[in-house]
Amino acid sequence: MHLSALNIHPVKSLRAMRVQSASVDALGAVGDRRFLVIQPNGTFLTQRAVPRMATVDALIDDTTLTLRTGGSPDLAVPRASDPGAPLMSVRIWKSEGLQAEDCGGEAAAWLTAALGIPCRLVRAGVAFRRPVLKAAARAGDIHAFADACAFLAISEASLDDLNDRIVQGGGEPVGMDRFRTNLVLSGCTPFQEDTWKRFRIGNVVFRSAGPSTRCIVTTTDQLTGVRGVEPLRTLARFRRDPADPTDVMFGQNLVHESLSGVIRVGDPVEVLEKSEH
């Protein structure tokens, strides 16, 4: 088994960026979801409410975040924390009062024009701290602006199984990008990743924080922002959460136990501990 693809999402809910390697720090993959689009009142925005976010590219190099969309000049924003930037109190789900750095009026105006709604861009800086709230979390587990955990893993075999079911039902297959996945795994059987409690990729150890509850974002084409019914229609037929049948599950949320390291496409996957169930 090995890591077959690696994605980061520089701005939560904007387009993903495929990379060949990523360093890991206390917040997760360096560069992943370190920026967030918010409403003026500090509440986070995602494709759930604004599917048009899927049409905006977010690219990073060593120093700069670049946002790109058709019909507008690119926007460049420094990646580094700015201790002099105004702080905004931000809310993401049950995480409230997060202190994030405002990226300024130019970024706010650019995103407001691109998305068609008033919004601002904020960055996780030196004042930012967000504990992981999942039941599997331990003291000191933190992450950036992702929904639940710093990492999400799905195997190619699991997606192939899902797409076979979608096609059998008369639908069109969906891509891995629908699931906002960081770690794409190869060489295992469908849903085998659901059985791993702890595993290692390269020199980074991950701990399962449970399956990922899937939402309407998965039905959103990640190039056009157009919505359909798949894969939620098919997932509802065979991947309902036994504890809450209104939820459907696909992929595994992960906490990174290693607070430093590097993961690379091609790295082997070594299972360290399997779940008891």
Protein backbone atom coordinates (compact mmCIF):
# COMPACT_ATOMS: atom_id res chain seq x y z
CA MET A 1 0.00 0.00 0.00
CA HIS A 2 1.22 3.49 -0.73
CA LEU A 3 0.24 7.15 -0.99
CA SER A 4 -0.82 7.62 -4.60
CA ALA A 5 -1.83 11.29 -4.50
CA LEU A 6 -1.58 14.22 -2.10
CA ASN A 7 -3.78 17.32 -2.07
CA ILE A 8 -3.77 20.51 -0.07
CA HIS A 9 -6.46 23.17 0.05
CA PRO A 10 -4.74 26.52 0.68
CA VAL A 11 -8.09 28.26 1.28
CA LYS A 12 -10.91 26.25 2.79
CA SER A 13 -13.54 25.42 0.12
CA LEU A 14 -11.62 26.95 -2.79
CA ARG A 15 -10.01 24.62 -5.33
CA ALA A 16 -7.54 22.00 -4.22
CA MET A 17 -3.89 21.96 -5.23
CA ARG A 18 -2.17 18.66 -6.02
CA VAL A 19 1.37 18.38 -4.68
CA GLN A 20 4.09 15.74 -4.66
CA SER A 21 5.11 16.27 -1.04
CA ALA A 22 4.07 18.21 2.03
CA SER A 23 5.73 19.03 5.31
CA VAL A 24 3.73 18.47 8.48
CA ASP A 25 3.57 20.80 11.49
CA ALA A 26 1.32 21.04 14.54
CA LEU A 27 -1.66 22.24 12.45
CA GLY A 28 -1.39 19.56 9.76
CA ALA A 29 -0.03 19.67 6.22
CA VAL A 30 1.83 22.95 5.78
CA GLY A 31 -0.22 25.14 3.46
CA ASP A 32 -3.47 23.22 3.91
CA ARG A 33 -6.49 25.30 4.94
CA ARG A 34 -4.42 28.04 6.54
CA PHE A 35 -6.72 30.65 4.92
CA LEU A 36 -10.47 30.99 5.34
CA VAL A 37 -13.24 32.97 3.67
CA ILE A 38 -15.63 34.47 6.20
CA GLN A 39 -18.75 36.57 6.30
CA PRO A 40 -18.24 40.09 7.71
CA ASN A 41 -19.52 38.80 11.09
CA GLY A 42 -16.76 36.18 11.26
CA THR A 43 -18.81 33.10 10.35
CA PHE A 44 -17.02 30.77 7.93
CA LEU A 45 -18.16 30.27 4.33
CA THR A 46 -17.94 27.04 2.34
CA GLN A 47 -19.27 25.50 -0.84
CA ARG A 48 -22.25 24.28 1.16
CA ALA A 49 -23.74 27.77 0.91
CA VAL A 50 -21.60 29.18 -1.92
CA PRO A 51 -20.92 26.52 -4.59
CA ARG A 52 -19.25 29.22 -6.70
CA MET A 53 -16.24 28.88 -4.39
CA ALA A 54 -15.30 25.77 -6.40
CA THR A 55 -14.45 27.99 -9.38
CA VAL A 56 -11.65 29.92 -7.62
CA ASP A 57 -8.09 28.58 -7.83
CA ALA A 58 -5.92 28.83 -4.73
CA LEU A 59 -2.22 28.31 -5.35
CA ILE A 60 0.76 28.66 -3.04
CA ASP A 61 4.50 28.91 -3.39
CA ASP A 62 7.06 29.41 -0.62
CA THR A 63 5.89 32.93 0.20
CA THR A 64 2.59 33.74 -1.49
CA LEU A 65 -1.03 32.63 -1.81
CA THR A 66 -2.39 33.41 -5.28
CA LEU A 67 -6.12 33.47 -5.99
CA ARG A 68 -7.27 33.20 -9.60
CA THR A 69 -10.60 33.24 -11.38
CA GLY A 70 -11.73 34.12 -14.87
CA GLY A 71 -12.14 37.79 -15.74
CA SER A 72 -10.10 39.26 -12.87
CA PRO A 73 -6.41 39.92 -12.26
CA ASP A 74 -4.80 37.47 -9.85
CA LEU A 75 -4.72 38.35 -6.16
CA ALA A 76 -1.46 37.81 -4.24
CA VAL A 77 -1.51 37.52 -0.43
CA PRO A 78 1.53 36.84 1.79
CA ARG A 79 1.45 33.42 3.44
CA ALA A 80 3.49 34.45 6.48
CA SER A 81 1.78 35.47 9.67
CA ASP A 82 1.63 39.23 10.20
CA PRO A 83 1.60 40.06 13.93
CA GLY A 84 0.51 43.60 13.04
CA ALA A 85 -2.60 42.49 11.16
CA PRO A 86 -6.01 43.16 12.74
CA LEU A 87 -7.44 40.08 14.44
CA MET A 88 -10.95 38.85 13.72
CA SER A 89 -12.99 36.50 15.88
CA VAL A 90 -13.94 33.57 13.65
CA ARG A 91 -16.43 30.72 14.04
CA ILE A 92 -16.23 27.30 12.35
CA TRP A 93 -18.95 24.89 13.49
CA LYS A 94 -18.53 24.49 17.26
CA SER A 95 -15.15 26.24 17.29
CA GLU A 96 -15.88 29.83 18.29
CA GLY A 97 -13.76 32.84 19.12
CA LEU A 98 -10.83 31.74 16.94
CA GLN A 99 -8.35 34.57 16.48
CA ALA A 100 -7.44 34.90 12.79
CA GLU A 101 -5.51 37.61 10.94
CA ASP A 102 -7.51 39.74 8.54
CA CYS A 103 -5.85 39.83 5.11
CA GLY A 104 -6.97 43.35 4.27
CA GLY A 105 -9.37 45.33 2.14
CA GLU A 106 -7.92 44.37 -1.24
CA ALA A 107 -8.41 40.67 -0.57
CA ALA A 108 -11.91 41.30 0.77
CA ALA A 109 -12.89 43.28 -2.32
CA TRP A 110 -11.42 40.68 -4.69
CA LEU A 111 -13.29 37.79 -3.06
CA THR A 112 -16.51 39.78 -2.76
CA ALA A 113 -16.39 40.40 -6.51
CA ALA A 114 -15.43 36.80 -7.32
CA LEU A 115 -18.10 35.18 -5.14
CA GLY A 116 -20.84 37.78 -5.40
CA ILE A 117 -21.36 38.12 -1.64
CA PRO A 118 -19.71 40.30 1.03
CA CYS A 119 -16.80 38.40 2.54
CA ARG A 120 -13.26 38.68 3.87
CA LEU A 121 -10.13 36.53 3.83
CA VAL A 122 -8.39 35.59 7.06
CA ARG A 123 -5.22 33.68 7.86
CA ALA A 124 -4.15 31.38 10.70
CA GLY A 125 -1.35 33.33 12.37
CA VAL A 126 0.59 33.35 15.61
CA ALA A 127 -2.55 34.06 17.69
CA PHE A 128 -4.51 31.17 16.19
CA ARG A 129 -5.21 27.98 18.13
CA ARG A 130 -8.00 25.50 17.45
CA PRO A 131 -8.28 22.22 19.36
CA VAL A 132 -9.60 19.14 17.59
CA LEU A 133 -13.08 18.46 19.01
CA LYS A 134 -13.54 14.87 17.82
CA ALA A 135 -13.97 12.17 20.48
CA ALA A 136 -10.66 10.63 19.42
CA ALA A 137 -8.78 13.87 20.13
CA ARG A 138 -6.19 14.08 22.87
CA ALA A 139 -4.79 17.05 24.75
CA GLY A 140 -2.68 19.12 22.38
CA ASP A 141 -4.32 17.96 19.13
CA ILE A 142 -4.92 21.09 17.04
CA HIS A 143 -5.73 21.90 13.43
CA ALA A 144 -6.39 24.84 11.13
CA PHE A 145 -9.60 25.63 9.22
CA ALA A 146 -10.65 22.11 8.11
CA ASP A 147 -14.07 20.98 9.33
CA ALA A 148 -13.05 18.34 11.85
CA CYS A 149 -9.43 17.20 11.55
CA ALA A 150 -6.26 18.18 9.75
CA PHE A 151 -6.27 15.16 7.42
CA LEU A 152 -8.77 13.09 5.44
CA ALA A 153 -7.86 9.80 3.74
CA ILE A 154 -9.70 7.79 1.08
CA SER A 155 -8.46 4.84 -0.93
CA GLU A 156 -8.73 4.59 -4.69
CA ALA A 157 -10.43 1.22 -4.18
CA SER A 158 -13.17 2.80 -2.06
CA LEU A 159 -13.86 5.42 -4.73
CA ASP A 160 -13.86 2.75 -7.45
CA ASP A 161 -16.40 0.74 -5.47
CA LEU A 162 -18.59 3.81 -5.02
CA ASN A 163 -18.36 4.76 -8.68
CA ASP A 164 -19.26 1.22 -9.77
CA ARG A 165 -22.43 1.53 -7.69
CA ILE A 166 -23.17 4.99 -9.10
CA VAL A 167 -22.83 3.72 -12.68
CA GLN A 168 -24.98 0.67 -11.93
CA GLY A 169 -27.65 3.10 -10.76
CA GLY A 170 -27.49 5.07 -14.01
CA GLY A 171 -25.31 7.93 -12.76
CA GLU A 172 -21.97 9.38 -13.80
CA PRO A 173 -18.81 8.57 -11.77
CA VAL A 174 -17.34 11.28 -9.56
CA GLY A 175 -13.74 12.31 -8.98
CA MET A 176 -11.76 12.14 -5.76
CA ASP A 177 -11.76 15.96 -5.63
CA ARG A 178 -15.45 15.89 -4.66
CA PHE A 179 -14.41 14.67 -1.20
CA ARG A 180 -11.74 17.31 -0.46
CA THR A 181 -9.29 14.50 0.30
CA ASN A 182 -5.71 15.06 1.45
CA LEU A 183 -4.38 11.52 1.35
CA VAL A 184 -5.25 9.21 -1.56
CA LEU A 185 -4.25 5.61 -0.87
CA SER A 186 -3.57 2.77 -3.27
CA GLY A 187 -2.98 -0.97 -2.91
CA CYS A 188 -5.76 -1.75 -0.42
CA THR A 189 -9.24 -3.19 -0.74
CA PRO A 190 -12.39 -1.05 -0.70
CA PHE A 191 -12.96 0.60 2.68
CA GLN A 192 -9.96 -1.15 4.20
CA GLU A 193 -8.86 2.27 5.50
CA ASP A 194 -11.94 2.25 7.75
CA THR A 195 -10.34 -0.53 9.81
CA TRP A 196 -7.07 1.24 10.65
CA LYS A 197 -6.70 2.79 14.08
CA ARG A 198 -3.13 3.99 13.57
CA PHE A 199 -0.88 3.96 10.51
CA ARG A 200 2.26 5.57 9.15
CA ILE A 201 2.96 7.26 5.82
CA GLY A 202 6.64 8.06 5.38
CA ASN A 203 7.74 9.28 8.81
CA VAL A 204 4.34 10.65 9.88
CA VAL A 205 1.99 8.66 12.14
CA PHE A 206 -1.78 9.15 11.89
CA ARG A 207 -4.59 8.16 14.28
CA SER A 208 -8.14 7.58 13.10
CA ALA A 209 -10.71 10.07 14.36
CA GLY A 210 -13.61 8.23 12.76
CA PRO A 211 -15.44 8.31 9.45
CA SER A 212 -16.21 11.55 7.64
CA THR A 213 -19.84 12.62 7.42
CA ARG A 214 -20.48 13.72 3.86
CA CYS A 215 -22.49 16.76 2.82
CA ILE A 216 -23.78 18.57 -0.26
CA VAL A 217 -20.25 19.70 -1.19
CA THR A 218 -19.65 16.20 -2.59
CA THR A 219 -22.38 16.83 -5.19
CA THR A 220 -20.62 19.98 -6.43
CA ASP A 221 -18.48 19.79 -9.58
CA GLN A 222 -15.09 21.12 -8.47
CA LEU A 223 -14.44 22.87 -11.77
CA THR A 224 -17.81 24.46 -12.51
CA GLY A 225 -19.60 24.69 -9.16
CA VAL A 226 -22.64 22.95 -10.69
CA ARG A 227 -24.50 20.58 -8.36
CA GLY A 228 -26.06 17.18 -9.01
CA VAL A 229 -27.34 14.33 -6.85
CA GLU A 230 -24.32 12.02 -6.76
CA PRO A 231 -22.56 10.68 -4.81
CA LEU A 232 -24.93 11.31 -1.90
CA ARG A 233 -27.79 9.40 -3.52
CA THR A 234 -25.69 6.26 -3.84
CA LEU A 235 -23.90 6.64 -0.50
CA ALA A 236 -27.32 6.78 1.17
CA ARG A 237 -27.98 3.26 -0.08
CA PHE A 238 -25.02 1.57 1.57
CA ARG A 239 -22.97 3.94 3.77
CA ARG A 240 -25.42 5.25 6.36
CA ASP A 241 -24.10 5.88 9.86
CA PRO A 242 -25.60 3.19 12.15
CA ALA A 243 -25.63 5.69 15.03
CA ASP A 244 -27.41 8.35 12.96
CA PRO A 245 -29.00 7.06 9.73
CA THR A 246 -29.48 10.62 8.50
CA ASP A 247 -25.69 10.78 7.95
CA VAL A 248 -23.70 9.04 5.22
CA MET A 249 -20.01 8.28 5.66
CA PHE A 250 -17.09 8.18 3.24
CA GLY A 251 -13.39 8.57 4.09
CA GLN A 252 -11.55 8.69 7.39
CA ASN A 253 -10.78 11.76 9.50
CA LEU A 254 -7.25 11.63 10.88
CA VAL A 255 -5.29 13.22 13.67
CA HIS A 256 -1.54 13.44 13.02
CA GLU A 257 0.41 12.19 16.02
CA SER A 258 3.69 13.30 14.42
CA LEU A 259 3.99 17.07 14.73
CA SER A 260 6.76 17.27 12.16
CA GLY A 261 7.85 15.26 9.16
CA VAL A 262 7.31 14.99 5.42
CA ILE A 263 4.88 12.89 3.40
CA ARG A 264 5.51 12.18 -0.26
CA VAL A 265 3.58 10.60 -3.10
CA GLY A 266 4.83 7.04 -3.35
CA ASP A 267 5.51 6.66 0.38
CA PRO A 268 4.50 3.26 1.76
CA VAL A 269 1.53 2.95 4.09
CA GLU A 270 2.23 0.84 7.17
CA VAL A 271 -0.70 -0.15 9.40
CA LEU A 272 0.38 0.04 13.06
CA GLU A 273 -2.92 -0.83 14.78
CA LYS A 274 -6.31 -1.98 13.56
CA SER A 275 -9.70 -1.12 15.01
CA GLU A 276 -11.31 -3.69 17.27
CA HIS A 277 -14.58 -3.62 15.33
